């Protein structure tokens, strides 16, 4: 007899209705005692076997709901939609992204989540941005007569290390226009 992937619970407190309701939870792969339901909620089973719903929150610079999960003794926050979809469907987060059908990023119901394969255009675009950065960097070196001690070069290295590719490209374009 094989163990069921679902855990049936008779009495789980439903925060949306304010009463106990029946629900079925599914284990989230690779996350030990963490469970998810089709309504977009994440739970944890404590050492006594009690199940508690995790609090979802919005990170300051994100539009997606997140929860804190402890894995291997390290507490991190994870996007809820990724946990829900991984509990009910197999997906590889390296080449597949989770999107919301109704464009409401707070609606993490399984029926609202959809898997979309990241196409090669995304990786090709990243290669193009890297190439643009290389070309602009070469122009900057020629214009300033490359010396690693110049302030503008130090600024560039700091921006390249800490900012996104688009920001680096924009910064280089502005600097080169003003030189």
N, C-alpha and C. Protein backbone atom coordinates (compact mmCIF):
# COMPACT_ATOMS: atom_id res chain seq x y z
N UNK A 1 0.84 -1.18 0.00
CA UNK A 1 0.00 0.00 0.00
C UNK A 1 0.88 1.24 0.00
N UNK A 2 0.65 2.13 -0.93
CA UNK A 2 1.47 3.34 -1.02
C UNK A 2 0.81 4.48 -0.25
N UNK A 3 1.64 5.37 0.23
CA UNK A 3 1.13 6.52 0.98
C UNK A 3 0.49 7.51 0.02
N UNK A 4 -0.59 8.10 0.45
CA UNK A 4 -1.30 9.07 -0.39
C UNK A 4 -0.53 10.38 -0.44
N UNK A 5 -0.61 11.05 -1.59
CA UNK A 5 0.02 12.35 -1.73
C UNK A 5 -0.80 13.43 -1.02
N UNK A 6 -2.08 13.14 -0.83
CA UNK A 6 -2.97 14.11 -0.18
C UNK A 6 -3.14 13.77 1.28
N UNK A 7 -3.33 14.79 2.07
CA UNK A 7 -3.65 14.62 3.48
C UNK A 7 -5.03 15.20 3.68
N UNK A 8 -5.99 14.36 4.08
CA UNK A 8 -7.35 14.84 4.30
C UNK A 8 -7.48 15.31 5.73
N UNK A 9 -8.00 16.49 5.88
CA UNK A 9 -8.22 17.05 7.20
C UNK A 9 -9.70 17.36 7.37
N UNK A 10 -10.24 17.01 8.49
CA UNK A 10 -11.65 17.29 8.72
C UNK A 10 -11.87 18.69 9.23
N UNK A 11 -11.00 19.16 10.08
CA UNK A 11 -11.21 20.46 10.69
C UNK A 11 -9.99 21.36 10.54
N UNK A 12 -10.03 22.21 9.54
CA UNK A 12 -9.00 23.22 9.33
C UNK A 12 -9.69 24.57 9.39
N UNK A 13 -9.12 25.49 10.14
CA UNK A 13 -9.72 26.82 10.25
C UNK A 13 -9.53 27.56 8.94
N UNK A 14 -10.63 27.96 8.34
CA UNK A 14 -10.61 28.69 7.08
C UNK A 14 -10.68 30.17 7.40
N UNK A 15 -9.59 30.90 7.15
CA UNK A 15 -9.55 32.33 7.51
C UNK A 15 -10.47 33.17 6.63
N UNK A 16 -10.76 32.70 5.41
CA UNK A 16 -11.62 33.49 4.52
C UNK A 16 -13.08 33.44 4.94
N UNK A 17 -13.54 32.28 5.47
CA UNK A 17 -14.93 32.17 5.89
C UNK A 17 -15.10 32.34 7.39
N UNK A 18 -14.02 32.21 8.15
CA UNK A 18 -14.10 32.36 9.60
C UNK A 18 -14.70 31.16 10.29
N UNK A 19 -14.55 29.97 9.71
CA UNK A 19 -15.07 28.75 10.34
C UNK A 19 -14.22 27.56 9.92
N UNK A 20 -14.47 26.43 10.57
CA UNK A 20 -13.75 25.22 10.21
C UNK A 20 -14.32 24.63 8.93
N UNK A 21 -13.46 24.10 8.10
CA UNK A 21 -13.93 23.47 6.87
C UNK A 21 -13.05 22.27 6.54
N UNK A 22 -13.56 21.40 5.67
CA UNK A 22 -12.79 20.25 5.21
C UNK A 22 -11.91 20.69 4.05
N UNK A 23 -10.72 20.20 4.02
CA UNK A 23 -9.81 20.54 2.93
C UNK A 23 -8.84 19.39 2.72
N UNK A 24 -8.19 19.37 1.60
CA UNK A 24 -7.14 18.38 1.38
C UNK A 24 -5.86 19.13 1.06
N UNK A 25 -4.81 18.71 1.70
CA UNK A 25 -3.51 19.35 1.55
C UNK A 25 -2.57 18.40 0.84
N UNK A 26 -1.60 18.96 0.19
CA UNK A 26 -0.60 18.15 -0.49
C UNK A 26 0.78 18.60 -0.03
N UNK A 27 1.66 17.65 0.14
CA UNK A 27 3.02 17.96 0.58
C UNK A 27 3.76 18.73 -0.50
N UNK A 28 4.56 19.70 -0.09
CA UNK A 28 5.40 20.45 -1.02
C UNK A 28 6.73 19.72 -1.12
N UNK A 29 7.09 19.24 -2.31
CA UNK A 29 8.35 18.48 -2.45
C UNK A 29 9.57 19.30 -2.00
N UNK A 30 10.50 18.64 -1.36
CA UNK A 30 11.77 19.23 -0.90
C UNK A 30 11.59 20.20 0.26
N UNK A 31 10.41 20.30 0.84
CA UNK A 31 10.21 21.24 1.95
C UNK A 31 9.65 20.55 3.19
N UNK A 32 10.01 19.32 3.43
CA UNK A 32 9.71 18.62 4.67
C UNK A 32 8.27 18.67 5.13
N UNK A 33 8.01 19.43 6.18
CA UNK A 33 6.69 19.45 6.83
C UNK A 33 5.76 20.51 6.27
N UNK A 34 6.03 21.04 5.11
CA UNK A 34 5.20 22.11 4.55
C UNK A 34 4.19 21.52 3.57
N UNK A 35 2.97 22.07 3.63
CA UNK A 35 1.86 21.58 2.84
C UNK A 35 1.19 22.74 2.12
N UNK A 36 0.45 22.43 1.05
CA UNK A 36 -0.27 23.46 0.30
C UNK A 36 -1.66 22.96 -0.04
N UNK A 37 -2.61 23.88 -0.22
CA UNK A 37 -3.93 23.49 -0.69
C UNK A 37 -4.23 24.19 -2.01
N UNK A 38 -5.34 23.80 -2.63
CA UNK A 38 -5.67 24.34 -3.95
C UNK A 38 -6.16 25.78 -3.87
N UNK A 39 -6.44 26.27 -2.68
CA UNK A 39 -6.91 27.65 -2.52
C UNK A 39 -5.76 28.65 -2.42
N UNK A 40 -4.53 28.17 -2.50
CA UNK A 40 -3.38 29.06 -2.51
C UNK A 40 -2.83 29.36 -1.13
N UNK A 41 -3.05 28.46 -0.18
CA UNK A 41 -2.53 28.67 1.17
C UNK A 41 -1.45 27.64 1.47
N UNK A 42 -0.51 28.05 2.33
CA UNK A 42 0.61 27.18 2.70
C UNK A 42 0.52 26.93 4.20
N UNK A 43 0.78 25.68 4.59
CA UNK A 43 0.69 25.26 5.98
C UNK A 43 1.99 24.59 6.41
N UNK A 44 2.17 24.49 7.72
CA UNK A 44 3.31 23.76 8.27
C UNK A 44 2.77 22.80 9.33
N UNK A 45 3.35 21.60 9.37
CA UNK A 45 3.00 20.62 10.40
C UNK A 45 4.10 20.67 11.45
N UNK A 46 3.74 21.01 12.69
CA UNK A 46 4.75 21.12 13.75
C UNK A 46 5.12 19.75 14.30
N UNK A 47 6.01 19.72 15.27
CA UNK A 47 6.51 18.44 15.78
C UNK A 47 5.45 17.63 16.51
N UNK A 48 4.34 18.27 16.89
CA UNK A 48 3.24 17.58 17.56
C UNK A 48 2.18 17.10 16.58
N UNK A 49 2.35 17.38 15.30
CA UNK A 49 1.41 16.95 14.29
C UNK A 49 0.31 17.96 13.99
N UNK A 50 0.32 19.09 14.68
CA UNK A 50 -0.68 20.12 14.42
C UNK A 50 -0.33 20.88 13.15
N UNK A 51 -1.37 21.27 12.41
CA UNK A 51 -1.15 21.99 11.17
C UNK A 51 -1.56 23.44 11.35
N UNK A 52 -0.67 24.34 10.93
CA UNK A 52 -0.90 25.78 11.10
C UNK A 52 -0.67 26.47 9.76
N UNK A 53 -1.59 27.38 9.42
CA UNK A 53 -1.45 28.13 8.17
C UNK A 53 -0.37 29.19 8.34
N UNK A 54 0.48 29.34 7.34
CA UNK A 54 1.54 30.34 7.38
C UNK A 54 1.00 31.70 6.94
N UNK A 55 1.54 32.74 7.51
CA UNK A 55 1.15 34.10 7.16
C UNK A 55 1.82 34.49 5.85
N UNK A 56 1.02 34.99 4.91
CA UNK A 56 1.54 35.44 3.63
C UNK A 56 1.75 36.95 3.70
N UNK A 57 2.80 37.43 3.06
CA UNK A 57 3.11 38.86 3.10
C UNK A 57 3.64 39.32 1.75
N UNK A 58 3.58 40.62 1.55
CA UNK A 58 4.15 41.23 0.34
C UNK A 58 5.50 41.82 0.70
N UNK A 59 6.50 41.47 -0.06
CA UNK A 59 7.83 42.03 0.10
C UNK A 59 7.81 43.46 -0.47
N UNK A 60 8.60 44.39 0.05
CA UNK A 60 8.54 45.78 -0.40
C UNK A 60 8.71 45.99 -1.91
N UNK A 61 9.57 45.24 -2.55
CA UNK A 61 9.82 45.45 -3.98
C UNK A 61 9.26 44.34 -4.85
N UNK A 62 8.21 43.67 -4.38
CA UNK A 62 7.64 42.57 -5.13
C UNK A 62 6.13 42.70 -5.18
N UNK A 63 5.54 42.11 -6.20
CA UNK A 63 4.08 42.13 -6.29
C UNK A 63 3.49 40.77 -5.95
N UNK A 64 4.35 39.82 -5.58
CA UNK A 64 3.91 38.46 -5.28
C UNK A 64 3.89 38.21 -3.78
N UNK A 65 2.89 37.41 -3.34
CA UNK A 65 2.82 37.02 -1.94
C UNK A 65 3.94 36.03 -1.65
N UNK A 66 4.47 36.11 -0.42
CA UNK A 66 5.57 35.25 -0.01
C UNK A 66 5.28 34.69 1.37
N UNK A 67 5.96 33.60 1.74
CA UNK A 67 5.90 33.03 3.08
C UNK A 67 7.32 32.68 3.52
N UNK A 68 7.52 32.68 4.84
CA UNK A 68 8.81 32.25 5.38
C UNK A 68 8.79 30.74 5.56
N UNK A 69 9.85 30.10 5.08
CA UNK A 69 10.01 28.65 5.22
C UNK A 69 11.41 28.37 5.71
N UNK A 70 11.51 27.47 6.68
CA UNK A 70 12.81 27.06 7.19
C UNK A 70 13.19 25.76 6.51
N UNK A 71 14.33 25.80 5.85
CA UNK A 71 14.83 24.61 5.14
C UNK A 71 16.28 24.43 5.52
N UNK A 72 16.61 23.26 6.04
CA UNK A 72 17.97 22.95 6.50
C UNK A 72 18.45 23.97 7.54
N UNK A 73 17.55 24.42 8.40
CA UNK A 73 17.90 25.36 9.46
C UNK A 73 18.03 26.80 9.03
N UNK A 74 17.76 27.09 7.75
CA UNK A 74 17.86 28.46 7.23
C UNK A 74 16.47 28.96 6.88
N UNK A 75 16.11 30.11 7.45
CA UNK A 75 14.79 30.69 7.21
C UNK A 75 14.88 31.67 6.05
N UNK A 76 14.06 31.42 5.01
CA UNK A 76 14.03 32.28 3.82
C UNK A 76 12.58 32.50 3.42
N UNK A 77 12.35 33.53 2.61
CA UNK A 77 11.00 33.71 2.10
C UNK A 77 10.92 33.22 0.66
N UNK A 78 9.78 32.60 0.34
CA UNK A 78 9.57 32.00 -0.98
C UNK A 78 8.26 32.51 -1.56
N UNK A 79 8.18 32.66 -2.89
CA UNK A 79 6.91 33.06 -3.51
C UNK A 79 5.87 31.94 -3.35
N UNK A 80 4.68 32.32 -2.93
CA UNK A 80 3.62 31.35 -2.67
C UNK A 80 3.25 30.60 -3.95
N UNK A 81 3.16 31.29 -5.09
CA UNK A 81 2.73 30.62 -6.31
C UNK A 81 3.66 29.49 -6.69
N UNK A 82 4.96 29.62 -6.43
CA UNK A 82 5.90 28.55 -6.76
C UNK A 82 5.69 27.34 -5.85
N UNK A 83 5.39 27.59 -4.58
CA UNK A 83 5.15 26.49 -3.65
C UNK A 83 3.86 25.75 -3.99
N UNK A 84 2.81 26.51 -4.33
CA UNK A 84 1.52 25.89 -4.67
C UNK A 84 1.67 25.02 -5.92
N UNK A 85 2.29 25.57 -6.94
CA UNK A 85 2.40 24.83 -8.20
C UNK A 85 3.31 23.61 -8.04
N UNK A 86 4.36 23.72 -7.22
CA UNK A 86 5.25 22.57 -7.04
C UNK A 86 4.59 21.46 -6.22
N UNK A 87 3.60 21.80 -5.39
CA UNK A 87 2.88 20.78 -4.64
C UNK A 87 1.95 19.96 -5.53
N UNK A 88 1.40 20.59 -6.57
CA UNK A 88 0.40 19.92 -7.39
C UNK A 88 0.88 19.55 -8.79
N UNK A 89 1.96 20.11 -9.25
CA UNK A 89 2.48 19.82 -10.58
C UNK A 89 4.02 19.76 -10.50
N UNK A 90 4.61 18.98 -11.39
CA UNK A 90 6.06 18.97 -11.46
C UNK A 90 6.50 20.08 -12.40
N UNK A 91 7.46 20.86 -11.98
CA UNK A 91 8.03 21.86 -12.88
C UNK A 91 9.45 22.16 -12.49
N UNK A 92 10.24 22.57 -13.48
CA UNK A 92 11.63 22.95 -13.28
C UNK A 92 11.70 24.48 -13.29
N UNK A 93 11.96 25.13 -12.15
CA UNK A 93 11.95 26.59 -12.11
C UNK A 93 13.04 27.25 -12.94
N UNK A 94 14.01 26.46 -13.43
CA UNK A 94 15.07 27.06 -14.25
C UNK A 94 14.58 27.43 -15.65
N UNK A 95 13.65 26.65 -16.19
CA UNK A 95 13.21 26.97 -17.55
C UNK A 95 11.69 27.11 -17.68
N UNK A 96 10.98 27.08 -16.55
CA UNK A 96 9.53 27.26 -16.57
C UNK A 96 9.16 28.29 -15.51
N UNK A 97 8.31 29.23 -15.87
CA UNK A 97 7.86 30.24 -14.90
C UNK A 97 6.38 30.04 -14.60
N UNK A 98 5.95 30.55 -13.45
CA UNK A 98 4.56 30.46 -13.04
C UNK A 98 3.92 31.82 -13.31
N UNK A 99 2.79 31.81 -14.01
CA UNK A 99 2.09 33.06 -14.28
C UNK A 99 0.66 32.97 -13.74
N UNK A 100 0.06 34.12 -13.50
CA UNK A 100 -1.32 34.20 -13.02
C UNK A 100 -2.23 34.47 -14.22
N UNK A 101 -3.22 33.62 -14.41
CA UNK A 101 -4.11 33.75 -15.56
C UNK A 101 -4.87 35.06 -15.55
N UNK A 102 -5.37 35.47 -14.37
CA UNK A 102 -6.18 36.69 -14.30
C UNK A 102 -5.36 37.95 -14.01
N UNK A 103 -4.04 37.83 -14.03
CA UNK A 103 -3.12 38.96 -13.79
C UNK A 103 -3.24 39.55 -12.39
N UNK A 104 -3.96 38.87 -11.50
CA UNK A 104 -4.05 39.28 -10.10
C UNK A 104 -2.99 38.48 -9.35
N UNK A 105 -1.89 39.14 -8.98
CA UNK A 105 -0.75 38.44 -8.39
C UNK A 105 -1.00 38.02 -6.95
N UNK A 106 -2.12 38.43 -6.38
CA UNK A 106 -2.47 38.02 -5.02
C UNK A 106 -3.37 36.78 -5.03
N UNK A 107 -3.84 36.38 -6.19
CA UNK A 107 -4.71 35.21 -6.33
C UNK A 107 -3.85 33.99 -6.65
N UNK A 108 -3.53 33.21 -5.62
CA UNK A 108 -2.65 32.06 -5.81
C UNK A 108 -3.39 30.74 -5.82
N UNK A 109 -4.68 30.75 -6.17
CA UNK A 109 -5.43 29.50 -6.30
C UNK A 109 -4.81 28.69 -7.43
N UNK A 110 -4.81 27.38 -7.26
CA UNK A 110 -4.22 26.51 -8.27
C UNK A 110 -4.90 26.71 -9.62
N UNK A 111 -6.20 26.95 -9.63
CA UNK A 111 -6.93 27.14 -10.89
C UNK A 111 -6.51 28.43 -11.61
N UNK A 112 -5.86 29.36 -10.89
CA UNK A 112 -5.43 30.62 -11.49
C UNK A 112 -3.97 30.59 -11.93
N UNK A 113 -3.24 29.55 -11.56
CA UNK A 113 -1.82 29.48 -11.88
C UNK A 113 -1.60 28.65 -13.14
N UNK A 114 -0.65 29.10 -13.93
CA UNK A 114 -0.36 28.44 -15.20
C UNK A 114 1.16 28.39 -15.38
N UNK A 115 1.64 27.30 -15.93
CA UNK A 115 3.07 27.16 -16.21
C UNK A 115 3.35 27.66 -17.62
N UNK A 116 4.41 28.44 -17.75
CA UNK A 116 4.81 28.92 -19.07
C UNK A 116 6.30 28.63 -19.24
N UNK A 117 6.60 27.98 -20.34
CA UNK A 117 8.00 27.67 -20.62
C UNK A 117 8.70 28.95 -21.07
N UNK A 118 9.85 29.19 -20.45
CA UNK A 118 10.64 30.35 -20.87
C UNK A 118 11.29 29.99 -22.20
N UNK A 119 11.01 30.79 -23.20
CA UNK A 119 11.54 30.46 -24.51
C UNK A 119 12.98 30.93 -24.66
N UNK A 120 13.58 30.53 -25.73
CA UNK A 120 14.97 30.87 -25.97
C UNK A 120 15.16 32.35 -26.17
N UNK A 121 14.09 33.07 -26.52
CA UNK A 121 14.21 34.51 -26.73
C UNK A 121 14.72 35.21 -25.47
N UNK A 122 14.30 34.71 -24.30
CA UNK A 122 14.73 35.32 -23.04
C UNK A 122 16.23 35.16 -22.88
N UNK A 123 16.75 33.95 -23.12
CA UNK A 123 18.19 33.74 -22.97
C UNK A 123 18.96 34.46 -24.07
N UNK A 124 18.38 34.51 -25.28
CA UNK A 124 19.03 35.24 -26.37
C UNK A 124 19.10 36.73 -26.04
N UNK A 125 18.05 37.26 -25.42
CA UNK A 125 18.03 38.67 -25.03
C UNK A 125 19.10 38.96 -23.98
N UNK A 126 19.28 38.03 -23.05
CA UNK A 126 20.33 38.21 -22.04
C UNK A 126 21.72 38.22 -22.69
N UNK A 127 21.93 37.36 -23.67
CA UNK A 127 23.21 37.34 -24.38
C UNK A 127 23.43 38.65 -25.13
N UNK A 128 22.35 39.16 -25.72
CA UNK A 128 22.43 40.43 -26.43
C UNK A 128 22.80 41.57 -25.48
N UNK A 129 22.20 41.58 -24.28
CA UNK A 129 22.52 42.62 -23.29
C UNK A 129 23.98 42.53 -22.87
N UNK A 130 24.48 41.30 -22.67
CA UNK A 130 25.89 41.12 -22.31
C UNK A 130 26.80 41.66 -23.42
N UNK A 131 26.43 41.39 -24.66
CA UNK A 131 27.20 41.89 -25.79
C UNK A 131 27.18 43.42 -25.83
N UNK A 132 25.99 44.01 -25.59
CA UNK A 132 25.88 45.47 -25.56
C UNK A 132 26.77 46.05 -24.47
N UNK A 133 26.78 45.42 -23.30
CA UNK A 133 27.61 45.91 -22.20
C UNK A 133 29.08 45.85 -22.59
N UNK A 134 29.50 44.75 -23.21
CA UNK A 134 30.90 44.62 -23.64
C UNK A 134 31.28 45.74 -24.62
N UNK A 135 30.41 46.01 -25.60
CA UNK A 135 30.69 47.04 -26.59
C UNK A 135 30.74 48.43 -25.95
N UNK A 136 29.78 48.72 -25.08
CA UNK A 136 29.76 50.03 -24.41
C UNK A 136 30.95 50.19 -23.47
N UNK A 137 31.33 49.11 -22.81
CA UNK A 137 32.49 49.15 -21.91
C UNK A 137 33.76 49.44 -22.71
N UNK A 138 33.86 48.82 -23.87
CA UNK A 138 35.02 49.07 -24.73
C UNK A 138 35.07 50.54 -25.17
N UNK A 139 33.90 51.10 -25.54
CA UNK A 139 33.83 52.53 -25.90
C UNK A 139 34.24 53.42 -24.73
N UNK A 140 33.80 53.07 -23.54
CA UNK A 140 34.16 53.86 -22.36
C UNK A 140 35.67 53.82 -22.13
N UNK A 141 36.27 52.65 -22.25
CA UNK A 141 37.72 52.53 -22.09
C UNK A 141 38.46 53.43 -23.08
N UNK A 142 38.02 53.40 -24.34
CA UNK A 142 38.67 54.22 -25.36
C UNK A 142 38.53 55.71 -25.07
N UNK A 143 37.35 56.12 -24.64
CA UNK A 143 37.08 57.55 -24.40
C UNK A 143 37.85 58.10 -23.20
N UNK A 144 37.96 57.31 -22.14
CA UNK A 144 38.62 57.84 -20.94
C UNK A 144 40.11 57.48 -20.92
N UNK A 145 40.58 56.74 -21.92
CA UNK A 145 41.99 56.33 -21.93
C UNK A 145 42.23 55.42 -20.75
N UNK A 146 41.67 54.24 -20.80
CA UNK A 146 41.53 53.33 -19.67
C UNK A 146 42.67 53.41 -18.67
N UNK A 147 42.29 53.84 -17.49
CA UNK A 147 43.16 53.76 -16.32
C UNK A 147 42.25 53.34 -15.18
N UNK A 148 42.58 52.26 -14.54
CA UNK A 148 41.74 51.72 -13.47
C UNK A 148 41.58 52.65 -12.29
N UNK A 149 42.38 53.72 -12.23
CA UNK A 149 42.31 54.62 -11.08
C UNK A 149 41.34 55.78 -11.29
N UNK A 150 40.84 55.97 -12.49
CA UNK A 150 39.92 57.09 -12.74
C UNK A 150 38.60 56.85 -12.03
N UNK A 151 38.02 57.93 -11.50
CA UNK A 151 36.79 57.83 -10.73
C UNK A 151 35.64 57.27 -11.55
N UNK A 152 35.53 57.66 -12.79
CA UNK A 152 34.42 57.20 -13.62
C UNK A 152 34.49 55.68 -13.83
N UNK A 153 35.73 55.15 -13.95
CA UNK A 153 35.88 53.70 -14.11
C UNK A 153 35.50 52.97 -12.83
N UNK A 154 35.87 53.54 -11.67
CA UNK A 154 35.49 52.94 -10.39
C UNK A 154 33.98 52.96 -10.20
N UNK A 155 33.35 54.07 -10.61
CA UNK A 155 31.89 54.15 -10.54
C UNK A 155 31.25 53.07 -11.41
N UNK A 156 31.80 52.91 -12.61
CA UNK A 156 31.26 51.90 -13.52
C UNK A 156 31.38 50.50 -12.93
N UNK A 157 32.51 50.17 -12.38
CA UNK A 157 32.70 48.84 -11.80
C UNK A 157 31.72 48.59 -10.65
N UNK A 158 31.47 49.63 -9.84
CA UNK A 158 30.52 49.49 -8.74
C UNK A 158 29.10 49.27 -9.27
N UNK A 159 28.73 50.02 -10.29
CA UNK A 159 27.39 49.88 -10.88
C UNK A 159 27.24 48.52 -11.54
N UNK A 160 28.27 48.07 -12.22
CA UNK A 160 28.21 46.77 -12.89
C UNK A 160 28.06 45.64 -11.88
N UNK A 161 28.69 45.80 -10.73
CA UNK A 161 28.65 44.77 -9.70
C UNK A 161 27.29 44.73 -8.98
N UNK A 162 26.65 45.89 -8.80
CA UNK A 162 25.47 45.94 -7.94
C UNK A 162 24.14 46.13 -8.66
N UNK A 163 24.14 46.53 -9.91
CA UNK A 163 22.88 46.86 -10.59
C UNK A 163 22.54 45.82 -11.66
N UNK A 164 21.35 45.95 -12.23
CA UNK A 164 20.90 45.04 -13.28
C UNK A 164 21.57 45.39 -14.60
N UNK A 165 21.47 44.48 -15.55
CA UNK A 165 22.08 44.71 -16.86
C UNK A 165 21.50 45.94 -17.54
N UNK A 166 20.17 46.09 -17.46
CA UNK A 166 19.53 47.24 -18.10
C UNK A 166 20.04 48.55 -17.50
N UNK A 167 20.20 48.59 -16.18
CA UNK A 167 20.71 49.78 -15.52
C UNK A 167 22.12 50.09 -15.98
N UNK A 168 22.95 49.06 -16.10
CA UNK A 168 24.34 49.24 -16.54
C UNK A 168 24.36 49.80 -17.97
N UNK A 169 23.52 49.25 -18.85
CA UNK A 169 23.46 49.73 -20.23
C UNK A 169 23.02 51.19 -20.27
N UNK A 170 21.97 51.52 -19.52
CA UNK A 170 21.50 52.91 -19.48
C UNK A 170 22.56 53.85 -18.94
N UNK A 171 23.25 53.46 -17.87
CA UNK A 171 24.29 54.30 -17.27
C UNK A 171 25.41 54.53 -18.28
N UNK A 172 25.86 53.47 -18.96
CA UNK A 172 26.93 53.60 -19.94
C UNK A 172 26.53 54.51 -21.09
N UNK A 173 25.29 54.36 -21.57
CA UNK A 173 24.81 55.23 -22.65
C UNK A 173 24.82 56.70 -22.25
N UNK A 174 24.37 56.99 -21.04
CA UNK A 174 24.32 58.38 -20.56
C UNK A 174 25.73 58.95 -20.41
N UNK A 175 26.63 58.18 -19.80
CA UNK A 175 28.00 58.63 -19.59
C UNK A 175 28.70 58.88 -20.93
N UNK A 176 28.52 57.96 -21.87
CA UNK A 176 29.18 58.12 -23.17
C UNK A 176 28.65 59.31 -23.94
N UNK A 177 27.37 59.63 -23.79
CA UNK A 177 26.83 60.81 -24.46
C UNK A 177 27.38 62.10 -23.86
N UNK A 178 27.67 62.07 -22.57
CA UNK A 178 28.12 63.28 -21.88
C UNK A 178 29.64 63.46 -21.87
N UNK A 179 30.39 62.48 -22.37
CA UNK A 179 31.86 62.61 -22.41
C UNK A 179 32.30 63.43 -23.60
